[in-house]
Amino acid sequence: MSEFNSKHNRAVWFDIPVANLDRAVEFYAGVLGIQVHKERYGEVSFAVLEHHEGNGGCLIPEESAIRSDGGILIYLNVEGRIREAVAQVERLGGNVVHPIHAIGPHGFKSVVLDSEGNRIALHSMVDR
């Protein structure tokens, strides 16, 4: 994690549990429009979401942690391409729970289930 993350942000990293790593890599790469790199550390395989100097996270095989009925909601940035991202959700095995809607001066979001059944929010300041 970068110095920027630990110094200026409260949330510095996230793990998204997945049942099928390859399927989840395809889903997140397609929906977020980013590179997702598979890695291995010892016996554990995982995939890191491209994040450069910003906050980062990874996909980690941990099927027992998947929860779609509540819990924490992670907002993932799809700035300027929320409509394209939401269109990719169902094509890549996810489901739209709440369609794109305004959240006042804070932009727009859509709540979706990813290809593994996790509930996430896609966020953009603009509706396009």
N, C-alpha and C. Protein backbone atom coordinates (compact mmCIF):
# COMPACT_ATOMS: atom_id res chain seq x y z
N MET A 1 0.84 -1.17 0.00
CA MET A 1 0.00 0.00 0.00
C MET A 1 0.88 1.23 0.00
N SER A 2 0.47 2.22 -0.72
CA SER A 2 1.31 3.42 -0.85
C SER A 2 1.26 4.27 0.41
N GLU A 3 2.25 5.14 0.55
CA GLU A 3 2.29 6.11 1.65
C GLU A 3 1.03 6.96 1.64
N PHE A 4 0.58 7.34 0.44
CA PHE A 4 -0.63 8.16 0.31
C PHE A 4 -1.82 7.48 0.97
N ASN A 5 -1.98 6.21 0.73
CA ASN A 5 -3.14 5.50 1.28
C ASN A 5 -3.16 5.52 2.79
N SER A 6 -2.07 5.15 3.42
CA SER A 6 -2.08 5.03 4.87
C SER A 6 -2.09 6.38 5.57
N LYS A 7 -1.63 7.42 4.93
CA LYS A 7 -1.54 8.73 5.55
C LYS A 7 -2.82 9.55 5.44
N HIS A 8 -3.54 9.45 4.33
CA HIS A 8 -4.65 10.36 4.07
C HIS A 8 -6.03 9.71 4.01
N ASN A 9 -6.13 8.44 4.09
CA ASN A 9 -7.42 7.77 3.96
C ASN A 9 -7.66 6.82 5.12
N ARG A 10 -8.89 6.71 5.55
CA ARG A 10 -9.23 5.76 6.62
C ARG A 10 -9.29 4.34 6.08
N ALA A 11 -9.87 4.16 4.92
CA ALA A 11 -9.90 2.83 4.30
C ALA A 11 -8.69 2.74 3.37
N VAL A 12 -7.82 1.78 3.60
CA VAL A 12 -6.59 1.70 2.81
C VAL A 12 -6.53 0.48 1.90
N TRP A 13 -7.37 -0.51 2.13
CA TRP A 13 -7.34 -1.73 1.33
C TRP A 13 -8.64 -2.47 1.54
N PHE A 14 -9.04 -3.29 0.57
CA PHE A 14 -10.22 -4.13 0.75
C PHE A 14 -9.98 -5.47 0.09
N ASP A 15 -10.57 -6.50 0.67
CA ASP A 15 -10.59 -7.84 0.09
C ASP A 15 -12.04 -8.13 -0.31
N ILE A 16 -12.22 -8.59 -1.54
CA ILE A 16 -13.54 -9.00 -2.00
C ILE A 16 -13.50 -10.52 -2.11
N PRO A 17 -14.32 -11.23 -1.30
CA PRO A 17 -14.29 -12.69 -1.36
C PRO A 17 -14.93 -13.20 -2.65
N VAL A 18 -14.35 -14.26 -3.20
CA VAL A 18 -14.86 -14.84 -4.45
C VAL A 18 -14.88 -16.36 -4.36
N ALA A 19 -15.77 -16.96 -5.13
CA ALA A 19 -15.83 -18.42 -5.23
C ALA A 19 -14.99 -18.90 -6.41
N ASN A 20 -14.96 -18.12 -7.49
CA ASN A 20 -14.25 -18.50 -8.71
C ASN A 20 -13.37 -17.32 -9.12
N LEU A 21 -12.07 -17.43 -8.90
CA LEU A 21 -11.15 -16.32 -9.13
C LEU A 21 -11.13 -15.88 -10.58
N ASP A 22 -11.06 -16.80 -11.52
CA ASP A 22 -11.01 -16.43 -12.94
C ASP A 22 -12.27 -15.68 -13.37
N ARG A 23 -13.42 -16.17 -12.96
CA ARG A 23 -14.68 -15.52 -13.30
C ARG A 23 -14.74 -14.11 -12.69
N ALA A 24 -14.30 -13.96 -11.45
CA ALA A 24 -14.30 -12.66 -10.77
C ALA A 24 -13.33 -11.69 -11.42
N VAL A 25 -12.16 -12.18 -11.85
CA VAL A 25 -11.19 -11.33 -12.56
C VAL A 25 -11.84 -10.76 -13.82
N GLU A 26 -12.50 -11.61 -14.59
CA GLU A 26 -13.16 -11.15 -15.83
C GLU A 26 -14.25 -10.13 -15.51
N PHE A 27 -15.03 -10.39 -14.46
CA PHE A 27 -16.11 -9.48 -14.08
C PHE A 27 -15.56 -8.10 -13.71
N TYR A 28 -14.62 -8.04 -12.78
CA TYR A 28 -14.12 -6.75 -12.30
C TYR A 28 -13.31 -6.01 -13.37
N ALA A 29 -12.54 -6.72 -14.17
CA ALA A 29 -11.81 -6.06 -15.26
C ALA A 29 -12.79 -5.44 -16.24
N GLY A 30 -13.85 -6.17 -16.59
CA GLY A 30 -14.83 -5.67 -17.55
C GLY A 30 -15.70 -4.56 -17.02
N VAL A 31 -16.18 -4.70 -15.80
CA VAL A 31 -17.08 -3.69 -15.22
C VAL A 31 -16.33 -2.42 -14.87
N LEU A 32 -15.16 -2.55 -14.25
CA LEU A 32 -14.41 -1.36 -13.83
C LEU A 32 -13.54 -0.78 -14.94
N GLY A 33 -13.31 -1.55 -16.00
CA GLY A 33 -12.48 -1.06 -17.10
C GLY A 33 -11.03 -0.90 -16.69
N ILE A 34 -10.52 -1.84 -15.88
CA ILE A 34 -9.15 -1.77 -15.38
C ILE A 34 -8.46 -3.12 -15.58
N GLN A 35 -7.16 -3.14 -15.33
CA GLN A 35 -6.42 -4.39 -15.32
C GLN A 35 -6.58 -5.03 -13.94
N VAL A 36 -6.71 -6.34 -13.91
CA VAL A 36 -6.76 -7.10 -12.66
C VAL A 36 -5.70 -8.18 -12.80
N HIS A 37 -4.70 -8.14 -11.92
CA HIS A 37 -3.53 -9.01 -12.05
C HIS A 37 -3.59 -10.16 -11.04
N LYS A 38 -3.52 -11.39 -11.55
CA LYS A 38 -3.49 -12.55 -10.67
C LYS A 38 -2.09 -12.69 -10.08
N GLU A 39 -2.05 -13.00 -8.77
CA GLU A 39 -0.79 -13.19 -8.07
C GLU A 39 -0.90 -14.40 -7.16
N ARG A 40 0.23 -14.79 -6.63
CA ARG A 40 0.27 -15.92 -5.70
C ARG A 40 1.27 -15.60 -4.60
N TYR A 41 0.88 -15.86 -3.37
CA TYR A 41 1.78 -15.69 -2.24
C TYR A 41 1.69 -16.97 -1.43
N GLY A 42 2.75 -17.76 -1.47
CA GLY A 42 2.71 -19.06 -0.82
C GLY A 42 1.67 -19.94 -1.46
N GLU A 43 0.73 -20.42 -0.68
CA GLU A 43 -0.34 -21.29 -1.17
C GLU A 43 -1.59 -20.52 -1.61
N VAL A 44 -1.58 -19.21 -1.44
CA VAL A 44 -2.78 -18.41 -1.70
C VAL A 44 -2.71 -17.71 -3.05
N SER A 45 -3.69 -17.95 -3.89
CA SER A 45 -3.84 -17.22 -5.15
C SER A 45 -4.86 -16.11 -4.92
N PHE A 46 -4.63 -14.96 -5.54
CA PHE A 46 -5.54 -13.83 -5.42
C PHE A 46 -5.34 -12.94 -6.63
N ALA A 47 -6.13 -11.90 -6.77
CA ALA A 47 -6.00 -10.98 -7.89
C ALA A 47 -6.11 -9.55 -7.38
N VAL A 48 -5.17 -8.71 -7.79
CA VAL A 48 -5.12 -7.32 -7.34
C VAL A 48 -5.75 -6.41 -8.39
N LEU A 49 -6.66 -5.55 -7.94
CA LEU A 49 -7.28 -4.57 -8.82
C LEU A 49 -6.30 -3.42 -9.03
N GLU A 50 -6.11 -3.03 -10.30
CA GLU A 50 -5.21 -1.92 -10.64
C GLU A 50 -5.61 -0.69 -9.83
N HIS A 51 -4.62 -0.07 -9.17
CA HIS A 51 -4.95 1.09 -8.34
C HIS A 51 -3.88 2.17 -8.34
N HIS A 52 -2.77 1.97 -8.99
CA HIS A 52 -1.69 2.96 -9.06
C HIS A 52 -1.38 3.49 -7.66
N GLU A 53 -1.56 4.77 -7.42
CA GLU A 53 -1.27 5.35 -6.11
C GLU A 53 -2.52 5.53 -5.24
N GLY A 54 -3.67 5.10 -5.74
CA GLY A 54 -4.91 5.25 -4.97
C GLY A 54 -5.15 4.06 -4.06
N ASN A 55 -6.32 4.04 -3.44
CA ASN A 55 -6.68 2.92 -2.58
C ASN A 55 -6.81 1.66 -3.41
N GLY A 56 -6.40 0.55 -2.86
CA GLY A 56 -6.42 -0.69 -3.60
C GLY A 56 -7.19 -1.78 -2.91
N GLY A 57 -7.34 -2.87 -3.65
CA GLY A 57 -8.02 -4.02 -3.10
C GLY A 57 -7.76 -5.24 -3.96
N CYS A 58 -8.23 -6.37 -3.47
CA CYS A 58 -8.00 -7.60 -4.21
C CYS A 58 -9.20 -8.53 -4.13
N LEU A 59 -9.19 -9.49 -5.02
CA LEU A 59 -10.17 -10.58 -5.05
C LEU A 59 -9.49 -11.77 -4.40
N ILE A 60 -10.12 -12.35 -3.41
CA ILE A 60 -9.49 -13.45 -2.70
C ILE A 60 -10.47 -14.62 -2.56
N PRO A 61 -10.05 -15.82 -2.95
CA PRO A 61 -10.94 -16.98 -2.82
C PRO A 61 -11.29 -17.24 -1.36
N GLU A 62 -12.53 -16.98 -1.00
CA GLU A 62 -13.03 -17.18 0.36
C GLU A 62 -14.55 -17.22 0.29
N GLU A 63 -15.05 -18.28 -0.30
CA GLU A 63 -16.48 -18.40 -0.58
C GLU A 63 -17.35 -18.22 0.66
N SER A 64 -16.88 -18.65 1.82
CA SER A 64 -17.69 -18.56 3.03
C SER A 64 -17.94 -17.12 3.47
N ALA A 65 -17.17 -16.16 2.96
CA ALA A 65 -17.32 -14.75 3.36
C ALA A 65 -18.27 -13.98 2.44
N ILE A 66 -18.72 -14.59 1.35
CA ILE A 66 -19.60 -13.89 0.41
C ILE A 66 -20.96 -13.65 1.07
N ARG A 67 -21.41 -12.39 0.98
CA ARG A 67 -22.68 -12.02 1.60
C ARG A 67 -23.37 -10.97 0.75
N SER A 68 -24.53 -11.29 0.24
CA SER A 68 -25.24 -10.35 -0.63
C SER A 68 -26.44 -9.69 0.05
N ASP A 69 -26.75 -10.09 1.27
CA ASP A 69 -27.96 -9.59 1.92
C ASP A 69 -27.74 -8.41 2.85
N GLY A 70 -26.56 -7.87 2.90
CA GLY A 70 -26.30 -6.73 3.77
C GLY A 70 -24.82 -6.58 4.03
N GLY A 71 -24.49 -6.07 5.20
CA GLY A 71 -23.09 -5.87 5.53
C GLY A 71 -22.55 -4.60 4.90
N ILE A 72 -21.25 -4.46 4.92
CA ILE A 72 -20.59 -3.27 4.41
C ILE A 72 -20.81 -3.14 2.90
N LEU A 73 -20.90 -1.92 2.42
CA LEU A 73 -21.09 -1.67 0.99
C LEU A 73 -19.89 -0.89 0.49
N ILE A 74 -19.13 -1.47 -0.41
CA ILE A 74 -17.96 -0.83 -1.01
C ILE A 74 -18.40 -0.11 -2.27
N TYR A 75 -18.02 1.17 -2.39
CA TYR A 75 -18.29 1.95 -3.59
C TYR A 75 -17.05 1.90 -4.46
N LEU A 76 -17.18 1.42 -5.69
CA LEU A 76 -16.06 1.34 -6.62
C LEU A 76 -16.24 2.39 -7.70
N ASN A 77 -15.16 3.07 -8.03
CA ASN A 77 -15.16 4.20 -8.95
C ASN A 77 -15.25 3.74 -10.40
N VAL A 78 -16.27 4.24 -11.09
CA VAL A 78 -16.41 4.03 -12.54
C VAL A 78 -16.65 5.39 -13.19
N GLU A 79 -15.92 6.39 -12.75
CA GLU A 79 -16.11 7.78 -13.14
C GLU A 79 -16.25 7.96 -14.64
N GLY A 80 -17.35 8.61 -15.04
CA GLY A 80 -17.58 8.93 -16.44
C GLY A 80 -18.02 7.77 -17.31
N ARG A 81 -18.22 6.58 -16.70
CA ARG A 81 -18.64 5.42 -17.48
C ARG A 81 -19.59 4.52 -16.71
N ILE A 82 -20.41 5.12 -15.84
CA ILE A 82 -21.31 4.31 -15.02
C ILE A 82 -22.31 3.53 -15.87
N ARG A 83 -22.82 4.13 -16.94
CA ARG A 83 -23.79 3.42 -17.79
C ARG A 83 -23.13 2.22 -18.47
N GLU A 84 -21.92 2.39 -18.96
CA GLU A 84 -21.19 1.28 -19.58
C GLU A 84 -20.91 0.20 -18.54
N ALA A 85 -20.49 0.59 -17.33
CA ALA A 85 -20.17 -0.37 -16.28
C ALA A 85 -21.40 -1.19 -15.89
N VAL A 86 -22.53 -0.53 -15.70
CA VAL A 86 -23.76 -1.24 -15.32
C VAL A 86 -24.19 -2.18 -16.45
N ALA A 87 -24.01 -1.77 -17.69
CA ALA A 87 -24.35 -2.64 -18.83
C ALA A 87 -23.50 -3.90 -18.83
N GLN A 88 -22.26 -3.80 -18.35
CA GLN A 88 -21.36 -4.96 -18.31
C GLN A 88 -21.74 -5.94 -17.20
N VAL A 89 -22.39 -5.46 -16.15
CA VAL A 89 -22.67 -6.30 -14.98
C VAL A 89 -23.37 -7.60 -15.37
N GLU A 90 -24.52 -7.52 -16.01
CA GLU A 90 -25.26 -8.74 -16.34
C GLU A 90 -24.57 -9.56 -17.42
N ARG A 91 -23.90 -8.90 -18.36
CA ARG A 91 -23.16 -9.62 -19.39
C ARG A 91 -22.07 -10.49 -18.78
N LEU A 92 -21.52 -10.05 -17.65
CA LEU A 92 -20.42 -10.75 -17.01
C LEU A 92 -20.86 -11.58 -15.81
N GLY A 93 -22.15 -11.86 -15.70
CA GLY A 93 -22.63 -12.79 -14.68
C GLY A 93 -23.11 -12.17 -13.39
N GLY A 94 -23.26 -10.86 -13.33
CA GLY A 94 -23.78 -10.20 -12.13
C GLY A 94 -25.24 -9.82 -12.31
N ASN A 95 -25.78 -9.11 -11.32
CA ASN A 95 -27.17 -8.65 -11.36
C ASN A 95 -27.26 -7.22 -10.83
N VAL A 96 -28.12 -6.43 -11.44
CA VAL A 96 -28.35 -5.06 -10.97
C VAL A 96 -29.43 -5.12 -9.89
N VAL A 97 -29.09 -4.68 -8.68
CA VAL A 97 -30.03 -4.66 -7.56
C VAL A 97 -30.79 -3.34 -7.54
N HIS A 98 -30.08 -2.23 -7.66
CA HIS A 98 -30.67 -0.89 -7.74
C HIS A 98 -30.07 -0.20 -8.95
N PRO A 99 -30.89 0.21 -9.91
CA PRO A 99 -30.36 0.87 -11.11
C PRO A 99 -29.70 2.21 -10.75
N ILE A 100 -29.06 2.79 -11.73
CA ILE A 100 -28.37 4.07 -11.54
C ILE A 100 -29.36 5.10 -11.01
N HIS A 101 -28.95 5.78 -9.95
CA HIS A 101 -29.79 6.85 -9.39
C HIS A 101 -28.90 7.91 -8.74
N ALA A 102 -29.44 9.12 -8.68
CA ALA A 102 -28.71 10.24 -8.10
C ALA A 102 -28.64 10.09 -6.58
N ILE A 103 -27.52 10.52 -6.02
CA ILE A 103 -27.36 10.56 -4.56
C ILE A 103 -27.02 12.00 -4.16
N GLY A 104 -27.91 12.89 -4.57
CA GLY A 104 -27.75 14.31 -4.27
C GLY A 104 -26.49 14.88 -4.89
N PRO A 105 -25.78 15.73 -4.15
CA PRO A 105 -24.57 16.36 -4.69
C PRO A 105 -23.38 15.39 -4.75
N HIS A 106 -23.60 14.15 -4.36
CA HIS A 106 -22.52 13.16 -4.30
C HIS A 106 -22.43 12.28 -5.54
N GLY A 107 -23.18 12.62 -6.58
CA GLY A 107 -23.08 11.90 -7.83
C GLY A 107 -24.16 10.86 -8.03
N PHE A 108 -23.76 9.74 -8.61
CA PHE A 108 -24.68 8.68 -9.00
C PHE A 108 -24.12 7.33 -8.59
N LYS A 109 -25.03 6.41 -8.26
CA LYS A 109 -24.59 5.06 -7.92
C LYS A 109 -25.58 4.04 -8.43
N SER A 110 -25.09 2.82 -8.55
CA SER A 110 -25.91 1.66 -8.84
C SER A 110 -25.40 0.55 -7.93
N VAL A 111 -26.31 -0.14 -7.27
CA VAL A 111 -25.92 -1.27 -6.42
C VAL A 111 -26.13 -2.54 -7.24
N VAL A 112 -25.09 -3.38 -7.26
CA VAL A 112 -25.13 -4.60 -8.06
C VAL A 112 -24.61 -5.77 -7.25
N LEU A 113 -24.92 -6.97 -7.72
CA LEU A 113 -24.27 -8.18 -7.21
C LEU A 113 -23.23 -8.56 -8.24
N ASP A 114 -22.01 -8.83 -7.79
CA ASP A 114 -20.96 -9.22 -8.73
C ASP A 114 -21.16 -10.66 -9.18
N SER A 115 -20.24 -11.18 -9.96
CA SER A 115 -20.36 -12.54 -10.49
C SER A 115 -20.30 -13.59 -9.40
N GLU A 116 -19.87 -13.21 -8.20
CA GLU A 116 -19.73 -14.15 -7.09
C GLU A 116 -20.85 -14.01 -6.06
N GLY A 117 -21.72 -13.00 -6.22
CA GLY A 117 -22.81 -12.79 -5.28
C GLY A 117 -22.56 -11.70 -4.25
N ASN A 118 -21.42 -10.99 -4.34
CA ASN A 118 -21.13 -9.87 -3.44
C ASN A 118 -21.92 -8.64 -3.84
N ARG A 119 -22.42 -7.90 -2.87
CA ARG A 119 -23.13 -6.65 -3.11
C ARG A 119 -22.11 -5.52 -3.10
N ILE A 120 -22.04 -4.75 -4.21
CA ILE A 120 -21.13 -3.62 -4.33
C ILE A 120 -21.88 -2.45 -4.96
N ALA A 121 -21.34 -1.24 -4.80
CA ALA A 121 -21.91 -0.06 -5.45
C ALA A 121 -20.92 0.43 -6.50
N LEU A 122 -21.44 0.83 -7.64
CA LEU A 122 -20.65 1.48 -8.69
C LEU A 122 -20.97 2.96 -8.59
N HIS A 123 -19.93 3.82 -8.61
CA HIS A 123 -20.12 5.25 -8.36
C HIS A 123 -19.46 6.11 -9.42
N SER A 124 -20.13 7.19 -9.78
CA SER A 124 -19.59 8.20 -10.70
C SER A 124 -20.20 9.54 -10.32
N MET A 125 -19.44 10.60 -10.45
CA MET A 125 -19.98 11.94 -10.21
C MET A 125 -20.88 12.38 -11.36
N VAL A 126 -20.73 11.77 -12.53
CA VAL A 126 -21.55 12.12 -13.69
C VAL A 126 -22.35 10.91 -14.15
N ASP A 127 -23.53 11.17 -14.71
CA ASP A 127 -24.43 10.10 -15.17
C ASP A 127 -24.21 9.86 -16.65
N ARG A 128 -23.15 9.16 -16.98
CA ARG A 128 -22.90 8.77 -18.37
C ARG A 128 -22.01 7.55 -18.41
